Protein backbone atom coordinates (compact mmCIF):
# COMPACT_ATOMS: atom_id res chain seq x y z
CA MET A 1 -167.41 79.95 14.52
CA VAL A 2 -166.80 77.23 11.95
CA LEU A 3 -169.69 76.30 9.67
CA SER A 4 -169.83 73.00 7.89
CA ARG A 5 -169.55 72.94 4.13
CA LEU A 6 -173.21 71.91 3.74
CA VAL A 7 -174.41 74.81 5.90
CA ARG A 8 -172.32 77.27 3.85
CA GLN A 9 -173.71 75.88 0.60
CA VAL A 10 -177.28 76.14 1.88
CA LEU A 11 -176.63 79.73 2.95
CA TRP A 12 -175.28 80.57 -0.51
CA ILE A 13 -178.32 79.01 -2.16
CA LEU A 14 -180.63 81.02 0.11
CA ALA A 15 -178.71 84.21 -0.66
CA VAL A 16 -179.01 83.63 -4.42
CA ALA A 17 -182.73 82.85 -4.05
CA ALA A 18 -183.20 86.08 -2.08
CA LEU A 19 -181.45 88.07 -4.80
CA VAL A 20 -183.61 86.48 -7.49
CA ALA A 21 -186.74 87.35 -5.49
CA ILE A 22 -185.58 90.93 -5.00
CA PHE A 23 -184.89 91.39 -8.71
CA ALA A 24 -188.22 89.78 -9.63
CA LEU A 25 -190.10 92.12 -7.32
CA ALA A 26 -188.12 95.14 -8.48
CA GLY A 27 -188.95 94.38 -12.10
CA ARG A 28 -192.69 94.44 -11.53
CA GLY A 29 -193.01 98.07 -12.53
CA ASP A 30 -192.07 101.62 -11.79
CA SER A 31 -195.29 102.62 -10.09
CA LEU A 32 -197.19 100.83 -7.38
CA LEU A 33 -200.38 102.74 -8.19
CA PRO A 34 -201.34 102.32 -11.86
CA THR A 35 -203.46 104.92 -13.60
CA ASN A 36 -207.05 104.15 -14.56
CA GLU A 37 -205.99 103.74 -18.20
CA GLU A 38 -203.30 101.22 -17.21
CA ARG A 39 -205.83 99.31 -15.10
CA VAL A 40 -208.33 99.21 -17.99
CA GLU A 41 -205.62 97.96 -20.37
CA ALA A 42 -204.44 95.31 -17.90
CA LEU A 43 -207.98 94.12 -17.20
CA ALA A 44 -208.87 94.08 -20.92
CA GLU A 45 -205.89 91.75 -21.48
CA GLN A 46 -207.33 89.35 -18.90
CA PHE A 47 -210.60 88.73 -20.77
CA ALA A 48 -211.08 86.80 -24.01
CA CYS A 49 -213.30 88.19 -26.72
CA PRO A 50 -216.45 86.01 -26.78
CA GLU A 51 -216.64 86.26 -30.62
CA CYS A 52 -212.96 86.18 -31.57
CA SER A 53 -210.80 83.10 -31.39
CA GLY A 54 -207.59 83.58 -29.42
CA GLN A 55 -207.84 87.34 -28.93
CA SER A 56 -208.19 89.30 -25.76
CA VAL A 57 -210.70 92.12 -25.38
CA ALA A 58 -207.81 94.60 -25.70
CA GLN A 59 -206.71 93.10 -29.04
CA SER A 60 -210.12 92.64 -30.62
CA ASN A 61 -212.08 95.13 -32.69
CA ALA A 62 -215.37 93.21 -32.37
CA ALA A 63 -218.36 95.12 -31.04
CA VAL A 64 -218.78 92.81 -28.03
CA ALA A 65 -215.11 93.30 -27.10
CA GLN A 66 -215.50 97.06 -27.30
CA ASN A 67 -218.61 96.82 -25.12
CA ILE A 68 -216.69 94.80 -22.51
CA GLU A 69 -213.84 97.32 -22.58
CA ARG A 70 -216.31 100.19 -22.14
CA ALA A 71 -217.89 98.37 -19.19
CA VAL A 72 -214.45 97.83 -17.65
CA THR A 73 -213.64 101.51 -18.14
CA GLU A 74 -216.89 102.58 -16.45
CA LEU A 75 -216.29 100.20 -13.53
CA VAL A 76 -212.68 101.40 -13.09
CA ASN A 77 -213.74 105.05 -13.21
CA GLY A 78 -216.55 104.20 -10.76
CA GLY A 79 -213.98 102.99 -8.22
CA ALA A 80 -214.54 99.22 -8.48
CA SER A 81 -211.63 96.97 -7.53
CA ASP A 82 -210.03 94.61 -10.04
CA GLU A 83 -211.63 91.63 -8.28
CA GLN A 84 -215.08 93.22 -8.46
CA ILE A 85 -214.61 93.95 -12.16
CA ARG A 86 -213.46 90.38 -12.87
CA ALA A 87 -216.46 89.04 -10.97
CA ARG A 88 -218.95 91.24 -12.86
CA ILE A 89 -217.53 90.41 -16.29
CA THR A 90 -217.38 86.66 -15.62
CA ASP A 91 -220.90 86.72 -14.14
CA ARG A 92 -222.21 88.45 -17.25
CA PHE A 93 -220.26 86.54 -19.95
CA GLY A 94 -219.30 83.32 -18.19
CA GLU A 95 -216.05 81.90 -16.82
CA GLN A 96 -214.82 81.06 -20.34
CA VAL A 97 -214.00 84.75 -21.00
CA SER A 98 -211.43 84.81 -18.21
CA LEU A 99 -207.89 84.38 -19.52
CA VAL A 100 -206.47 84.35 -15.98
CA PRO A 101 -207.36 81.17 -14.09
CA ALA A 102 -208.43 81.39 -10.48
CA SER A 103 -205.62 80.98 -7.99
CA SER A 104 -207.67 79.31 -5.29
CA GLY A 105 -209.18 75.88 -4.82
CA VAL A 106 -208.36 73.00 -7.13
CA VAL A 107 -207.38 75.36 -9.95
CA GLY A 108 -204.77 76.90 -7.65
CA LEU A 109 -203.11 73.50 -7.35
CA VAL A 110 -202.36 73.61 -11.08
CA TRP A 111 -200.12 76.61 -10.35
CA VAL A 112 -198.65 75.37 -7.07
CA ILE A 113 -197.88 71.71 -7.85
CA PRO A 114 -195.32 72.34 -10.65
CA VAL A 115 -193.45 74.83 -8.47
CA VAL A 116 -193.37 72.41 -5.54
CA VAL A 117 -192.28 69.52 -7.79
CA GLY A 118 -189.52 71.70 -9.26
CA LEU A 119 -188.25 72.71 -5.82
CA VAL A 120 -188.32 69.09 -4.60
CA ALA A 121 -186.46 67.99 -7.74
CA LEU A 122 -183.79 70.67 -7.21
CA ALA A 123 -183.41 69.64 -3.57
CA ALA A 124 -183.12 65.97 -4.57
CA ILE A 125 -180.49 66.76 -7.20
CA ALA A 126 -178.54 68.84 -4.69
CA ALA A 127 -178.71 66.03 -2.11
CA VAL A 128 -177.55 63.43 -4.63
CA LEU A 129 -174.69 65.61 -5.83
CA LEU A 130 -173.57 66.36 -2.28
CA ARG A 131 -173.71 62.68 -1.32
CA TRP A 132 -171.86 61.72 -4.51
CA ARG A 133 -169.20 64.34 -3.82
CA ARG A 134 -168.78 63.13 -0.24
CA ASP A 135 -168.61 59.45 -1.32
CA VAL A 136 -166.08 60.17 -4.06
CA GLY A 137 -163.93 62.07 -1.58
CA ALA A 138 -164.02 59.14 0.85
CA GLN A 139 -163.24 56.64 -1.90
CA GLY A 140 -160.35 58.71 -3.20
CA LYS A 141 -158.08 57.55 -0.34
CA ALA A 142 -156.13 54.46 -1.28
CA SER A 143 -155.53 51.74 1.28
CA PRO A 144 -151.99 50.42 1.91
CA ALA A 145 -152.91 47.24 0.02
CA ASP A 146 -153.98 49.31 -2.99
CA ARG A 147 -150.72 51.28 -2.89
CA ALA A 148 -148.67 48.09 -2.72
CA LEU A 149 -150.57 46.64 -5.69
CA VAL A 150 -149.95 49.78 -7.79
CA GLU A 151 -146.27 49.86 -6.83
CA ALA A 152 -145.88 46.17 -7.79
CA PHE A 153 -147.57 46.80 -11.15
CA LEU A 154 -145.37 49.83 -11.88
CA ALA A 155 -142.20 47.96 -10.86
CA GLU A 156 -143.15 45.05 -13.15
CA ARG A 157 -143.89 47.47 -15.98
CA ILE A 158 -140.53 49.21 -15.52
CA GLU A 159 -138.76 45.81 -15.60
CA LEU A 160 -140.56 44.85 -18.82
CA THR A 161 -139.68 48.13 -20.54
CA GLU A 162 -136.04 47.87 -19.46
CA THR A 163 -135.73 44.31 -20.81
CA ASP A 164 -137.38 45.28 -24.13
CA GLN A 165 -134.83 48.01 -24.85
CA PRO A 166 -131.67 46.98 -26.80
């Protein structure tokens, strides 16, 4: 079975993309089930300290940040899911404490649109390069008239160089 060059290139691109995805997923961590301490730390990094500028709850030493971290610890130990904890903290302190934007609705488009634009741009660049490569290959063949013109030029040039020599 003979595959066209374009099909082979697309298959190579898909294979590379699959490898990148596999390595990205493999690098997510050693354990699929984090401990309660790891969950508290991860959740504390997702909330901004209401009193501190630019610090997360995990980084801040302010009393309100310590209270939020204690509340997160109690909720984690009580068996609440990460989504439930995020909802309780944002309900109590407002959406401005969330350092992780929502991934649904209009806010989700902010995350999706750049990825889609990037993929479309890569596809467009690949299409242009493939078309350019195909067109250059087709133009690389000289017609008989072109060959005759080049041969006449070279013959004339050889005659001129021979007459210039003493």
